[in-house]
Amino acid sequence: MLLSIGGLVILLVSLSFAVSVGTVPVSTSTVWAILSNKVWPGLIEQTWTNGREAIVWEIRFPRALLAMMVGAGLAIVGASLQAVTRNMLADPHLLGISSGGAFGAILALLHTGMFFGLLTVPLFAFAGALLSTIIVLGVSRFADATSADRLVLAGVAVSFIVMAGANVLIFLGDPRASHTVVFWMLGGLGLAQWSQLLYPLTILLLCGIWLVARARLLNAMTVGDETAATLGISVARFRLAVFVNGALITGVMVAFSGIIGFVGLMVPHIARMIVGGDYTRVLLASALIGAIFLLWADILARTLMAPEDMPIGIVTGLIGGIFFIWLLGRRGST
């Protein structure tokens, strides 16, 4: 309980700082005064300019909330994939799911048009993530990659292939529009809008609740397929369901944030160090830590090269790469 309260306090402090920092600094008291006035108009006398209100409410708050959703979503996907593959190095980026989502988003942006309206990019991103997941499972079966380590290798190989396909789509697309897809290749939160936050929030809540409700099954999967089967679990069907769930979360998050790697790899390890191995706690802790981590990654992305925004994928890739090397060394020494 104390850990949960502490984590929520850190999240709120991080959110306050994320909204207040930037090219135009805004005090945290002003940030929360603006928020209070938006929720309860007239509650606090306005002492700030309309320009600062627009920066806080229209730009920074949606961006910070999207960072929290994406961080939480990718973290719980990584945790669930690590359980069903029994591989602590599994995450949606390494397994090619993020690449599939980016492929679908690029296809919609450059070649098909937005014929489903705002839902076009999320739907195509989910379809791409799901297709990439199916290919990874098919390759692992074809190559008889039954071990968890080889499954990750299959995912890395498919990720390279899918990204090559995405590059072909960019090459064949309109050169004047191709620069827009750099956002999806390098990751970023600068396109966050209030009108679009409902989609990632809905998917995160529905899929997150589905995973938490099956935490007992995830615990069993970490022991091994044989043990899980003796407990009455349909191992292949449940693993596929988790992969599809992960593809849905990842595809929708990629549609709004681009490819952000290593969050799903790092955060579940940190969560397990703090709360232990029970997946009821691991999933909830991963969501909380993932939200905090991506908030601070976005703060770094916005401040390191201010007034320019560094793609957040660069920040998470740098931190995640270092963490990955540390994790490999730790596994090798045990």
C-alpha atoms as a PDB file:
ATOM      1  CA  MET A   1       0.000   0.000   0.000  1.00  0.00           C
ATOM      2  CA  LEU A   2       2.785   2.424   0.923  1.00  0.00           C
ATOM      3  CA  LEU A   3       4.571   1.613  -2.328  1.00  0.00           C
ATOM      4  CA  SER A   4       1.402   2.338  -4.301  1.00  0.00           C
ATOM      5  CA  ILE A   5       0.816   5.646  -2.544  1.00  0.00           C
ATOM      6  CA  GLY A   6       4.462   6.588  -3.014  1.00  0.00           C
ATOM      7  CA  GLY A   7       4.316   5.704  -6.701  1.00  0.00           C
ATOM      8  CA  LEU A   8       1.178   7.782  -7.238  1.00  0.00           C
ATOM      9  CA  VAL A   9       2.767  10.757  -5.468  1.00  0.00           C
ATOM     10  CA  ILE A  10       5.849  10.471  -7.703  1.00  0.00           C
ATOM     11  CA  LEU A  11       3.574  10.238 -10.754  1.00  0.00           C
ATOM     12  CA  LEU A  12       1.691  13.421  -9.799  1.00  0.00           C
ATOM     13  CA  VAL A  13       4.924  15.290  -9.080  1.00  0.00           C
ATOM     14  CA  SER A  14       6.347  14.095 -12.418  1.00  0.00           C
ATOM     15  CA  LEU A  15       3.177  15.178 -14.227  1.00  0.00           C
ATOM     16  CA  SER A  16       3.339  18.628 -12.619  1.00  0.00           C
ATOM     17  CA  PHE A  17       6.972  19.060 -13.598  1.00  0.00           C
ATOM     18  CA  ALA A  18       6.403  17.755 -17.144  1.00  0.00           C
ATOM     19  CA  VAL A  19       3.653  20.307 -17.756  1.00  0.00           C
ATOM     20  CA  SER A  20       5.530  23.211 -16.156  1.00  0.00           C
ATOM     21  CA  VAL A  21       8.910  22.762 -17.871  1.00  0.00           C
ATOM     22  CA  GLY A  22       9.616  23.898 -21.410  1.00  0.00           C
ATOM     23  CA  THR A  23      10.689  26.818 -23.570  1.00  0.00           C
ATOM     24  CA  VAL A  24       8.066  28.877 -21.760  1.00  0.00           C
ATOM     25  CA  PRO A  25       8.338  27.905 -18.075  1.00  0.00           C
ATOM     26  CA  VAL A  26       5.137  27.866 -16.058  1.00  0.00           C
ATOM     27  CA  SER A  27       5.037  27.485 -12.285  1.00  0.00           C
ATOM     28  CA  THR A  28       3.405  24.336 -10.915  1.00  0.00           C
ATOM     29  CA  SER A  29       0.919  26.448  -8.950  1.00  0.00           C
ATOM     30  CA  THR A  30      -0.209  28.062 -12.204  1.00  0.00           C
ATOM     31  CA  VAL A  31      -0.408  24.659 -13.884  1.00  0.00           C
ATOM     32  CA  TRP A  32      -2.824  23.310 -11.304  1.00  0.00           C
ATOM     33  CA  ALA A  33      -4.743  26.582 -11.172  1.00  0.00           C
ATOM     34  CA  ILE A  34      -5.342  26.333 -14.922  1.00  0.00           C
ATOM     35  CA  LEU A  35      -6.398  22.700 -14.541  1.00  0.00           C
ATOM     36  CA  SER A  36      -8.771  23.611 -11.693  1.00  0.00           C
ATOM     37  CA  ASN A  37     -10.342  26.364 -13.767  1.00  0.00           C
ATOM     38  CA  LYS A  38     -10.858  23.995 -16.674  1.00  0.00           C
ATOM     39  CA  VAL A  39     -12.594  21.479 -14.417  1.00  0.00           C
ATOM     40  CA  TRP A  40     -14.481  24.058 -12.329  1.00  0.00           C
ATOM     41  CA  PRO A  41     -14.700  27.321 -14.336  1.00  0.00           C
ATOM     42  CA  GLY A  42     -14.318  30.416 -12.188  1.00  0.00           C
ATOM     43  CA  LEU A  43     -12.973  28.525  -9.175  1.00  0.00           C
ATOM     44  CA  ILE A  44      -9.726  30.523  -9.178  1.00  0.00           C
ATOM     45  CA  GLU A  45      -9.244  34.097 -10.339  1.00  0.00           C
ATOM     46  CA  GLN A  46      -7.222  34.114 -13.568  1.00  0.00           C
ATOM     47  CA  THR A  47      -3.820  35.739 -13.074  1.00  0.00           C
ATOM     48  CA  TRP A  48      -2.126  34.154 -16.075  1.00  0.00           C
ATOM     49  CA  THR A  49      -2.178  35.049 -19.764  1.00  0.00           C
ATOM     50  CA  ASN A  50      -4.331  33.252 -22.312  1.00  0.00           C
ATOM     51  CA  GLY A  51      -1.139  32.263 -24.114  1.00  0.00           C
ATOM     52  CA  ARG A  52       0.194  30.383 -21.088  1.00  0.00           C
ATOM     53  CA  GLU A  53      -3.183  28.738 -20.601  1.00  0.00           C
ATOM     54  CA  ALA A  54      -3.117  27.521 -24.206  1.00  0.00           C
ATOM     55  CA  ILE A  55       0.421  26.161 -23.805  1.00  0.00           C
ATOM     56  CA  VAL A  56      -0.473  24.293 -20.618  1.00  0.00           C
ATOM     57  CA  TRP A  57      -3.927  23.009 -21.547  1.00  0.00           C
ATOM     58  CA  GLU A  58      -3.759  22.498 -25.311  1.00  0.00           C
ATOM     59  CA  ILE A  59      -0.156  21.307 -25.696  1.00  0.00           C
ATOM     60  CA  ARG A  60       1.540  20.109 -22.523  1.00  0.00           C
ATOM     61  CA  PHE A  61      -1.267  18.368 -20.652  1.00  0.00           C
ATOM     62  CA  PRO A  62      -2.310  16.154 -23.605  1.00  0.00           C
ATOM     63  CA  ARG A  63       1.338  15.381 -24.283  1.00  0.00           C
ATOM     64  CA  ALA A  64       2.036  14.409 -20.679  1.00  0.00           C
ATOM     65  CA  LEU A  65      -1.105  12.263 -20.461  1.00  0.00           C
ATOM     66  CA  LEU A  66      -0.205  10.498 -23.713  1.00  0.00           C
ATOM     67  CA  ALA A  67       3.282   9.831 -22.328  1.00  0.00           C
ATOM     68  CA  MET A  68       1.723   8.205 -19.254  1.00  0.00           C
ATOM     69  CA  MET A  69      -0.605   6.027 -21.349  1.00  0.00           C
ATOM     70  CA  VAL A  70       2.098   4.912 -23.775  1.00  0.00           C
ATOM     71  CA  GLY A  71       4.583   4.190 -20.988  1.00  0.00           C
ATOM     72  CA  ALA A  72       2.021   2.193 -19.011  1.00  0.00           C
ATOM     73  CA  GLY A  73       0.787   0.320 -22.094  1.00  0.00           C
ATOM     74  CA  LEU A  74       4.202  -0.714 -23.401  1.00  0.00           C
ATOM     75  CA  ALA A  75       5.302  -1.729 -19.901  1.00  0.00           C
ATOM     76  CA  ILE A  76       2.388  -4.106 -19.273  1.00  0.00           C
ATOM     77  CA  VAL A  77       2.798  -5.580 -22.763  1.00  0.00           C
ATOM     78  CA  GLY A  78       6.455  -6.267 -22.013  1.00  0.00           C
ATOM     79  CA  ALA A  79       5.603  -7.836 -18.661  1.00  0.00           C
ATOM     80  CA  SER A  80       2.965 -10.133 -20.157  1.00  0.00           C
ATOM     81  CA  LEU A  81       5.195 -11.170 -23.078  1.00  0.00           C
ATOM     82  CA  GLN A  82       8.022 -11.993 -20.681  1.00  0.00           C
ATOM     83  CA  ALA A  83       5.628 -14.255 -18.785  1.00  0.00           C
ATOM     84  CA  VAL A  84       4.229 -16.230 -21.732  1.00  0.00           C
ATOM     85  CA  THR A  85       7.609 -16.573 -23.479  1.00  0.00           C
ATOM     86  CA  ARG A  86       9.524 -17.182 -20.215  1.00  0.00           C
ATOM     87  CA  ASN A  87      12.154 -14.817 -21.579  1.00  0.00           C
ATOM     88  CA  MET A  88      13.157 -11.801 -19.539  1.00  0.00           C
ATOM     89  CA  LEU A  89      14.480 -10.109 -22.705  1.00  0.00           C
ATOM     90  CA  ALA A  90      11.117 -10.103 -24.504  1.00  0.00           C
ATOM     91  CA  ASP A  91       9.389  -6.823 -25.273  1.00  0.00           C
ATOM     92  CA  PRO A  92       7.144  -5.502 -28.082  1.00  0.00           C
ATOM     93  CA  HIS A  93      10.062  -3.728 -29.752  1.00  0.00           C
ATOM     94  CA  LEU A  94      12.388  -6.730 -29.889  1.00  0.00           C
ATOM     95  CA  LEU A  95       9.585  -9.084 -30.968  1.00  0.00           C
ATOM     96  CA  GLY A  96       8.770  -6.920 -33.975  1.00  0.00           C
ATOM     97  CA  ILE A  97       5.310  -5.852 -32.774  1.00  0.00           C
ATOM     98  CA  SER A  98       6.236  -2.147 -32.688  1.00  0.00           C
ATOM     99  CA  SER A  99       7.734  -2.375 -36.171  1.00  0.00           C
ATOM    100  CA  GLY A 100       4.523  -3.913 -37.477  1.00  0.00           C
ATOM    101  CA  GLY A 101       2.529  -1.093 -35.922  1.00  0.00           C
ATOM    102  CA  ALA A 102       4.773   1.505 -37.566  1.00  0.00           C
ATOM    103  CA  PHE A 103       4.410  -0.285 -40.922  1.00  0.00           C
ATOM    104  CA  GLY A 104       0.621  -0.081 -40.679  1.00  0.00           C
ATOM    105  CA  ALA A 105       0.692   3.590 -39.658  1.00  0.00           C
ATOM    106  CA  ILE A 106       3.010   4.500 -42.532  1.00  0.00           C
ATOM    107  CA  LEU A 107       0.847   2.565 -44.998  1.00  0.00           C
ATOM    108  CA  ALA A 108      -2.214   4.541 -43.899  1.00  0.00           C
ATOM    109  CA  LEU A 109      -0.451   7.910 -43.932  1.00  0.00           C
ATOM    110  CA  LEU A 110       1.306   7.642 -47.293  1.00  0.00           C
ATOM    111  CA  HIS A 111      -0.730   5.253 -49.416  1.00  0.00           C
ATOM    112  CA  THR A 112      -4.324   4.524 -48.395  1.00  0.00           C
ATOM    113  CA  GLY A 113      -5.615   7.819 -47.063  1.00  0.00           C
ATOM    114  CA  MET A 114      -7.675   8.431 -43.936  1.00  0.00           C
ATOM    115  CA  PHE A 115     -10.855   6.729 -45.157  1.00  0.00           C
ATOM    116  CA  PHE A 116     -11.813   5.700 -41.592  1.00  0.00           C
ATOM    117  CA  GLY A 117     -11.206   9.207 -40.259  1.00  0.00           C
ATOM    118  CA  LEU A 118      -9.185   9.474 -37.042  1.00  0.00           C
ATOM    119  CA  LEU A 119      -9.468   5.708 -36.551  1.00  0.00           C
ATOM    120  CA  THR A 120      -7.567   4.923 -39.769  1.00  0.00           C
ATOM    121  CA  VAL A 121      -4.032   5.108 -38.369  1.00  0.00           C
ATOM    122  CA  PRO A 122      -4.814   3.206 -35.114  1.00  0.00           C
ATOM    123  CA  LEU A 123      -6.655   0.472 -37.052  1.00  0.00           C
ATOM    124  CA  PHE A 124      -3.852   0.069 -39.579  1.00  0.00           C
ATOM    125  CA  ALA A 125      -1.244   0.153 -36.811  1.00  0.00           C
ATOM    126  CA  PHE A 126      -3.068  -2.608 -34.924  1.00  0.00           C
ATOM    127  CA  ALA A 127      -3.411  -4.667 -38.125  1.00  0.00           C
ATOM    128  CA  GLY A 128       0.311  -4.247 -38.802  1.00  0.00           C
ATOM    129  CA  ALA A 129       1.247  -5.171 -35.236  1.00  0.00           C
ATOM    130  CA  LEU A 130      -1.027  -8.223 -35.333  1.00  0.00           C
ATOM    131  CA  LEU A 131       0.347  -9.353 -38.706  1.00  0.00           C
ATOM    132  CA  SER A 132       3.910  -8.953 -37.431  1.00  0.00           C
ATOM    133  CA  THR A 133       3.004 -11.022 -34.351  1.00  0.00           C
ATOM    134  CA  ILE A 134       1.563 -13.803 -36.518  1.00  0.00           C
ATOM    135  CA  ILE A 135       4.695 -13.791 -38.682  1.00  0.00           C
ATOM    136  CA  VAL A 136       6.952 -14.060 -35.612  1.00  0.00           C
ATOM    137  CA  LEU A 137       4.943 -17.017 -34.303  1.00  0.00           C
ATOM    138  CA  GLY A 138       4.988 -18.609 -37.764  1.00  0.00           C
ATOM    139  CA  VAL A 139       8.742 -18.150 -38.164  1.00  0.00           C
ATOM    140  CA  SER A 140       9.410 -19.575 -34.712  1.00  0.00           C
ATOM    141  CA  ARG A 141       7.288 -22.616 -35.558  1.00  0.00           C
ATOM    142  CA  PHE A 142       8.918 -23.024 -39.003  1.00  0.00           C
ATOM    143  CA  ALA A 143      12.426 -22.728 -37.545  1.00  0.00           C
ATOM    144  CA  ASP A 144      11.478 -24.975 -34.616  1.00  0.00           C
ATOM    145  CA  ALA A 145      12.456 -22.120 -32.324  1.00  0.00           C
ATOM    146  CA  THR A 146      10.826 -23.639 -29.291  1.00  0.00           C
ATOM    147  CA  SER A 147      13.157 -22.027 -26.767  1.00  0.00           C
ATOM    148  CA  ALA A 148      12.318 -18.594 -25.462  1.00  0.00           C
ATOM    149  CA  ASP A 149      15.690 -17.161 -26.543  1.00  0.00           C
ATOM    150  CA  ARG A 150      15.190 -18.277 -30.134  1.00  0.00           C
ATOM    151  CA  LEU A 151      11.703 -16.807 -30.162  1.00  0.00           C
ATOM    152  CA  VAL A 152      13.232 -13.405 -29.419  1.00  0.00           C
ATOM    153  CA  LEU A 153      15.776 -13.944 -32.206  1.00  0.00           C
ATOM    154  CA  ALA A 154      12.913 -14.725 -34.581  1.00  0.00           C
ATOM    155  CA  GLY A 155      11.228 -11.492 -33.462  1.00  0.00           C
ATOM    156  CA  VAL A 156      14.386  -9.461 -34.120  1.00  0.00           C
ATOM    157  CA  ALA A 157      14.705 -10.971 -37.606  1.00  0.00           C
ATOM    158  CA  VAL A 158      11.065 -10.212 -38.428  1.00  0.00           C
ATOM    159  CA  SER A 159      11.485  -6.701 -37.057  1.00  0.00           C
ATOM    160  CA  PHE A 160      14.306  -6.025 -39.544  1.00  0.00           C
ATOM    161  CA  ILE A 161      12.204  -7.381 -42.406  1.00  0.00           C
ATOM    162  CA  VAL A 162       9.135  -5.360 -41.460  1.00  0.00           C
ATOM    163  CA  MET A 163      11.166  -2.174 -41.068  1.00  0.00           C
ATOM    164  CA  ALA A 164      12.673  -2.802 -44.509  1.00  0.00           C
ATOM    165  CA  GLY A 165       9.112  -2.976 -45.837  1.00  0.00           C
ATOM    166  CA  ALA A 166       8.292   0.273 -44.038  1.00  0.00           C
ATOM    167  CA  ASN A 167      11.305   1.931 -45.660  1.00  0.00           C
ATOM    168  CA  VAL A 168      10.070   0.761 -49.062  1.00  0.00           C
ATOM    169  CA  LEU A 169       6.691   2.384 -48.344  1.00  0.00           C
ATOM    170  CA  ILE A 170       8.473   5.623 -47.490  1.00  0.00           C
ATOM    171  CA  PHE A 171      10.574   5.411 -50.666  1.00  0.00           C
ATOM    172  CA  LEU A 172       7.492   4.856 -52.841  1.00  0.00           C
ATOM    173  CA  GLY A 173       5.416   7.521 -51.076  1.00  0.00           C
ATOM    174  CA  ASP A 174       5.043  11.185 -51.876  1.00  0.00           C
ATOM    175  CA  PRO A 175       8.435  12.801 -51.073  1.00  0.00           C
ATOM    176  CA  ARG A 176       6.630  15.902 -49.799  1.00  0.00           C
ATOM    177  CA  ALA A 177       4.736  13.824 -47.229  1.00  0.00           C
ATOM    178  CA  SER A 178       7.460  11.351 -46.335  1.00  0.00           C
ATOM    179  CA  HIS A 179       9.022  13.668 -43.776  1.00  0.00           C
ATOM    180  CA  THR A 180       5.907  13.261 -41.626  1.00  0.00           C
ATOM    181  CA  VAL A 181       6.615   9.565 -41.032  1.00  0.00           C
ATOM    182  CA  VAL A 182       9.906  10.371 -39.332  1.00  0.00           C
ATOM    183  CA  PHE A 183       7.682  10.896 -36.279  1.00  0.00           C
ATOM    184  CA  TRP A 184       6.669   7.219 -36.374  1.00  0.00           C
ATOM    185  CA  MET A 185      10.204   5.995 -37.080  1.00  0.00           C
ATOM    186  CA  LEU A 186      11.885   7.855 -34.202  1.00  0.00           C
ATOM    187  CA  GLY A 187       9.016   8.230 -31.746  1.00  0.00           C
ATOM    188  CA  GLY A 188       7.475  11.409 -30.399  1.00  0.00           C
ATOM    189  CA  LEU A 189       4.554  12.794 -28.434  1.00  0.00           C
ATOM    190  CA  GLY A 190       4.275  16.207 -30.055  1.00  0.00           C
ATOM    191  CA  LEU A 191       1.068  15.401 -31.956  1.00  0.00           C
ATOM    192  CA  ALA A 192      -0.969  14.665 -28.812  1.00  0.00           C
ATOM    193  CA  GLN A 193      -4.466  16.167 -28.839  1.00  0.00           C
ATOM    194  CA  TRP A 194      -7.328  15.994 -26.366  1.00  0.00           C
ATOM    195  CA  SER A 195      -9.692  14.712 -29.060  1.00  0.00           C
ATOM    196  CA  GLN A 196      -7.514  11.642 -29.686  1.00  0.00           C
ATOM    197  CA  LEU A 197      -6.593  10.595 -26.145  1.00  0.00           C
ATOM    198  CA  LEU A 198      -9.794   8.589 -25.755  1.00  0.00           C
ATOM    199  CA  TYR A 199      -8.530   5.862 -28.102  1.00  0.00           C
ATOM    200  CA  PRO A 200      -5.297   4.902 -26.288  1.00  0.00           C
ATOM    201  CA  LEU A 201      -7.005   5.339 -22.909  1.00  0.00           C
ATOM    202  CA  THR A 202      -9.846   2.979 -23.826  1.00  0.00           C
ATOM    203  CA  ILE A 203      -7.527   0.294 -25.188  1.00  0.00           C
ATOM    204  CA  LEU A 204      -5.182   0.598 -22.212  1.00  0.00           C
ATOM    205  CA  LEU A 205      -8.004   0.202 -19.693  1.00  0.00           C
ATOM    206  CA  LEU A 206      -9.763  -2.690 -21.460  1.00  0.00           C
ATOM    207  CA  CYS A 207      -6.618  -4.672 -22.278  1.00  0.00           C
ATOM    208  CA  GLY A 208      -4.968  -3.854 -18.957  1.00  0.00           C
ATOM    209  CA  ILE A 209      -7.985  -5.105 -17.007  1.00  0.00           C
ATOM    210  CA  TRP A 210      -8.015  -8.251 -19.166  1.00  0.00           C
ATOM    211  CA  LEU A 211      -4.368  -8.945 -18.310  1.00  0.00           C
ATOM    212  CA  VAL A 212      -4.708  -8.215 -14.587  1.00  0.00           C
ATOM    213  CA  ALA A 213      -7.733 -10.535 -14.433  1.00  0.00           C
ATOM    214  CA  ARG A 214      -5.480 -13.292 -15.830  1.00  0.00           C
ATOM    215  CA  ALA A 215      -2.501 -12.627 -13.577  1.00  0.00           C
ATOM    216  CA  ARG A 216      -2.860 -16.125 -12.054  1.00  0.00           C
ATOM    217  CA  LEU A 217      -2.484 -17.649 -15.525  1.00  0.00           C
ATOM    218  CA  LEU A 218       0.560 -15.501 -16.221  1.00  0.00           C
ATOM    219  CA  ASN A 219       2.097 -16.702 -12.955  1.00  0.00           C
ATOM    220  CA  ALA A 220       1.564 -20.289 -14.075  1.00  0.00           C
ATOM    221  CA  MET A 221       3.092 -19.616 -17.500  1.00  0.00           C
ATOM    222  CA  THR A 222       6.314 -18.391 -15.912  1.00  0.00           C
ATOM    223  CA  VAL A 223       6.827 -21.858 -14.380  1.00  0.00           C
ATOM    224  CA  GLY A 224       6.623 -23.689 -17.697  1.00  0.00           C
ATOM    225  CA  ASP A 225       4.187 -24.976 -20.305  1.00  0.00           C
ATOM    226  CA  GLU A 226       3.933 -28.411 -18.724  1.00  0.00           C
ATOM    227  CA  THR A 227       3.072 -27.075 -15.303  1.00  0.00           C
ATOM    228  CA  ALA A 228       0.581 -24.622 -16.778  1.00  0.00           C
ATOM    229  CA  ALA A 229      -1.079 -27.411 -18.762  1.00  0.00           C
ATOM    230  CA  THR A 230      -1.457 -29.565 -15.640  1.00  0.00           C
ATOM    231  CA  LEU A 231      -3.333 -26.632 -14.060  1.00  0.00           C
ATOM    232  CA  GLY A 232      -5.877 -26.788 -16.873  1.00  0.00           C
ATOM    233  CA  ILE A 233      -4.538 -23.893 -18.948  1.00  0.00           C
ATOM    234  CA  SER A 234      -4.743 -24.144 -22.745  1.00  0.00           C
ATOM    235  CA  VAL A 235      -1.168 -22.977 -23.167  1.00  0.00           C
ATOM    236  CA  ALA A 236      -1.095 -22.312 -26.924  1.00  0.00           C
ATOM    237  CA  ARG A 237      -4.465 -20.546 -26.923  1.00  0.00           C
ATOM    238  CA  PHE A 238      -3.615 -18.378 -23.920  1.00  0.00           C
ATOM    239  CA  ARG A 239      -0.194 -17.433 -25.330  1.00  0.00           C
ATOM    240  CA  LEU A 240      -1.845 -16.424 -28.606  1.00  0.00           C
ATOM    241  CA  ALA A 241      -4.461 -14.369 -26.731  1.00  0.00           C
ATOM    242  CA  VAL A 242      -1.716 -12.519 -24.847  1.00  0.00           C
ATOM    243  CA  PHE A 243       0.149 -11.849 -28.090  1.00  0.00           C
ATOM    244  CA  VAL A 244      -3.014 -10.465 -29.721  1.00  0.00           C
ATOM    245  CA  ASN A 245      -3.692  -8.339 -26.640  1.00  0.00           C
ATOM    246  CA  GLY A 246      -0.124  -7.051 -26.791  1.00  0.00           C
ATOM    247  CA  ALA A 247      -0.455  -6.329 -30.513  1.00  0.00           C
ATOM    248  CA  LEU A 248      -3.620  -4.305 -29.873  1.00  0.00           C
ATOM    249  CA  ILE A 249      -2.046  -2.191 -27.134  1.00  0.00           C
ATOM    250  CA  THR A 250       1.225  -1.727 -29.017  1.00  0.00           C
ATOM    251  CA  GLY A 251      -0.448  -0.948 -32.332  1.00  0.00           C
ATOM    252  CA  VAL A 252      -2.640   1.769 -30.860  1.00  0.00           C
ATOM    253  CA  MET A 253       0.212   3.284 -28.842  1.00  0.00           C
ATOM    254  CA  VAL A 254       2.502   3.284 -31.892  1.00  0.00           C
ATOM    255  CA  ALA A 255      -0.246   5.005 -33.889  1.00  0.00           C
ATOM    256  CA  PHE A 256      -0.067   7.996 -31.541  1.00  0.00           C
ATOM    257  CA  SER A 257       3.562   7.956 -30.392  1.00  0.00           C
ATOM    258  CA  GLY A 258       5.627   6.197 -33.044  1.00  0.00           C
ATOM    259  CA  ILE A 259       8.176   3.511 -32.215  1.00  0.00           C
ATOM    260  CA  ILE A 260       9.397   3.812 -28.636  1.00  0.00           C
ATOM    261  CA  GLY A 261      11.703   0.970 -27.781  1.00  0.00           C
ATOM    262  CA  PHE A 262      12.904  -0.750 -24.624  1.00  0.00           C
ATOM    263  CA  VAL A 263      10.171   0.508 -22.264  1.00  0.00           C
ATOM    264  CA  GLY A 264       8.610  -2.958 -22.258  1.00  0.00           C
ATOM    265  CA  LEU A 265      12.008  -4.515 -21.621  1.00  0.00           C
ATOM    266  CA  MET A 266      13.235  -2.339 -18.762  1.00  0.00           C
ATOM    267  CA  VAL A 267      10.191  -1.501 -16.698  1.00  0.00           C
ATOM    268  CA  PRO A 268       8.959  -5.044 -15.836  1.00  0.00           C
ATOM    269  CA  HIS A 269      12.425  -5.892 -14.473  1.00  0.00           C
ATOM    270  CA  ILE A 270      12.371  -2.825 -12.266  1.00  0.00           C
ATOM    271  CA  ALA A 271       8.828  -3.687 -11.145  1.00  0.00           C
ATOM    272  CA  ARG A 272       9.827  -7.252 -10.203  1.00  0.00           C
ATOM    273  CA  MET A 273      12.777  -5.932  -8.199  1.00  0.00           C
ATOM    274  CA  ILE A 274      10.373  -3.770  -6.193  1.00  0.00           C
ATOM    275  CA  VAL A 275       7.210  -5.874  -5.784  1.00  0.00           C
ATOM    276  CA  GLY A 276       8.321  -9.463  -6.415  1.00  0.00           C
ATOM    277  CA  GLY A 277       7.126 -11.974  -8.993  1.00  0.00           C
ATOM    278  CA  ASP A 278       3.342 -12.060  -8.515  1.00  0.00           C
ATOM    279  CA  TYR A 279       1.896 -10.746 -11.770  1.00  0.00           C
ATOM    280  CA  THR A 280      -1.029  -8.995 -10.115  1.00  0.00           C
ATOM    281  CA  ARG A 281       1.499  -6.655  -8.537  1.00  0.00           C
ATOM    282  CA  VAL A 282       3.968  -6.777 -11.436  1.00  0.00           C
ATOM    283  CA  LEU A 283       1.415  -5.564 -13.997  1.00  0.00           C
ATOM    284  CA  LEU A 284       0.144  -2.719 -11.822  1.00  0.00           C
ATOM    285  CA  ALA A 285       3.662  -1.676 -10.816  1.00  0.00           C
ATOM    286  CA  SER A 286       4.829  -1.870 -14.435  1.00  0.00           C
ATOM    287  CA  ALA A 287       2.011   0.424 -15.542  1.00  0.00           C
ATOM    288  CA  LEU A 288       2.861   2.969 -12.844  1.00  0.00           C
ATOM    289  CA  ILE A 289       6.633   2.872 -13.382  1.00  0.00           C
ATOM    290  CA  GLY A 290       6.216   2.909 -17.162  1.00  0.00           C
ATOM    291  CA  ALA A 291       4.090   6.055 -16.950  1.00  0.00           C
ATOM    292  CA  ILE A 292       6.655   7.777 -14.726  1.00  0.00           C
ATOM    293  CA  PHE A 293       9.594   6.677 -16.875  1.00  0.00           C
ATOM    294  CA  LEU A 294       8.146   7.936 -20.152  1.00  0.00           C
ATOM    295  CA  LEU A 295       7.138  11.234 -18.563  1.00  0.00           C
ATOM    296  CA  TRP A 296      10.776  11.843 -17.597  1.00  0.00           C
ATOM    297  CA  ALA A 297      12.044  10.574 -20.948  1.00  0.00           C
ATOM    298  CA  ASP A 298       9.809  13.157 -22.621  1.00  0.00           C
ATOM    299  CA  ILE A 299      11.081  15.865 -20.267  1.00  0.00           C
ATOM    300  CA  LEU A 300      14.630  15.032 -21.358  1.00  0.00           C
ATOM    301  CA  ALA A 301      13.601  14.954 -25.020  1.00  0.00           C
ATOM    302  CA  ARG A 302      12.119  18.459 -24.725  1.00  0.00           C
ATOM    303  CA  THR A 303      14.917  20.042 -22.692  1.00  0.00           C
ATOM    304  CA  LEU A 304      18.211  18.537 -23.892  1.00  0.00           C
ATOM    305  CA  MET A 305      18.076  20.369 -27.235  1.00  0.00           C
ATOM    306  CA  ALA A 306      15.571  23.123 -26.382  1.00  0.00           C
ATOM    307  CA  PRO A 307      13.825  24.765 -28.135  1.00  0.00           C
ATOM    308  CA  GLU A 308      13.935  21.757 -30.500  1.00  0.00           C
ATOM    309  CA  ASP A 309      12.212  18.502 -29.498  1.00  0.00           C
ATOM    310  CA  MET A 310      14.476  15.480 -29.636  1.00  0.00           C
ATOM    311  CA  PRO A 311      12.561  12.340 -30.737  1.00  0.00           C
ATOM    312  CA  ILE A 312      11.721  10.459 -27.558  1.00  0.00           C
ATOM    313  CA  GLY A 313      12.738   7.173 -29.181  1.00  0.00           C
ATOM    314  CA  ILE A 314      16.341   8.375 -29.100  1.00  0.00           C
ATOM    315  CA  VAL A 315      16.178   8.918 -25.340  1.00  0.00           C
ATOM    316  CA  THR A 316      14.526   5.564 -24.566  1.00  0.00           C
ATOM    317  CA  GLY A 317      16.828   3.794 -27.021  1.00  0.00           C
ATOM    318  CA  LEU A 318      19.928   5.171 -25.309  1.00  0.00           C
ATOM    319  CA  ILE A 319      18.727   4.363 -21.802  1.00  0.00           C
ATOM    320  CA  GLY A 320      17.275   1.011 -22.899  1.00  0.00           C
ATOM    321  CA  GLY A 321      20.431  -0.026 -24.721  1.00  0.00           C
ATOM    322  CA  ILE A 322      22.526   0.588 -21.627  1.00  0.00           C
ATOM    323  CA  PHE A 323      19.990  -1.297 -19.499  1.00  0.00           C
ATOM    324  CA  PHE A 324      19.966  -4.181 -22.010  1.00  0.00           C
ATOM    325  CA  ILE A 325      23.755  -4.509 -21.822  1.00  0.00           C
ATOM    326  CA  TRP A 326      23.603  -4.448 -18.016  1.00  0.00           C
ATOM    327  CA  LEU A 327      20.876  -7.086 -18.048  1.00  0.00           C
ATOM    328  CA  LEU A 328      22.879  -9.367 -20.351  1.00  0.00           C
ATOM    329  CA  GLY A 329      25.901  -9.030 -18.068  1.00  0.00           C
ATOM    330  CA  ARG A 330      23.773  -9.762 -15.014  1.00  0.00           C
ATOM    331  CA  ARG A 331      22.258 -12.860 -16.628  1.00  0.00           C
ATOM    332  CA  GLY A 332      25.678 -14.037 -17.743  1.00  0.00           C
ATOM    333  CA  SER A 333      27.107 -13.785 -14.226  1.00  0.00           C
ATOM    334  CA  THR A 334      24.291 -15.806 -12.622  1.00  0.00           C
END
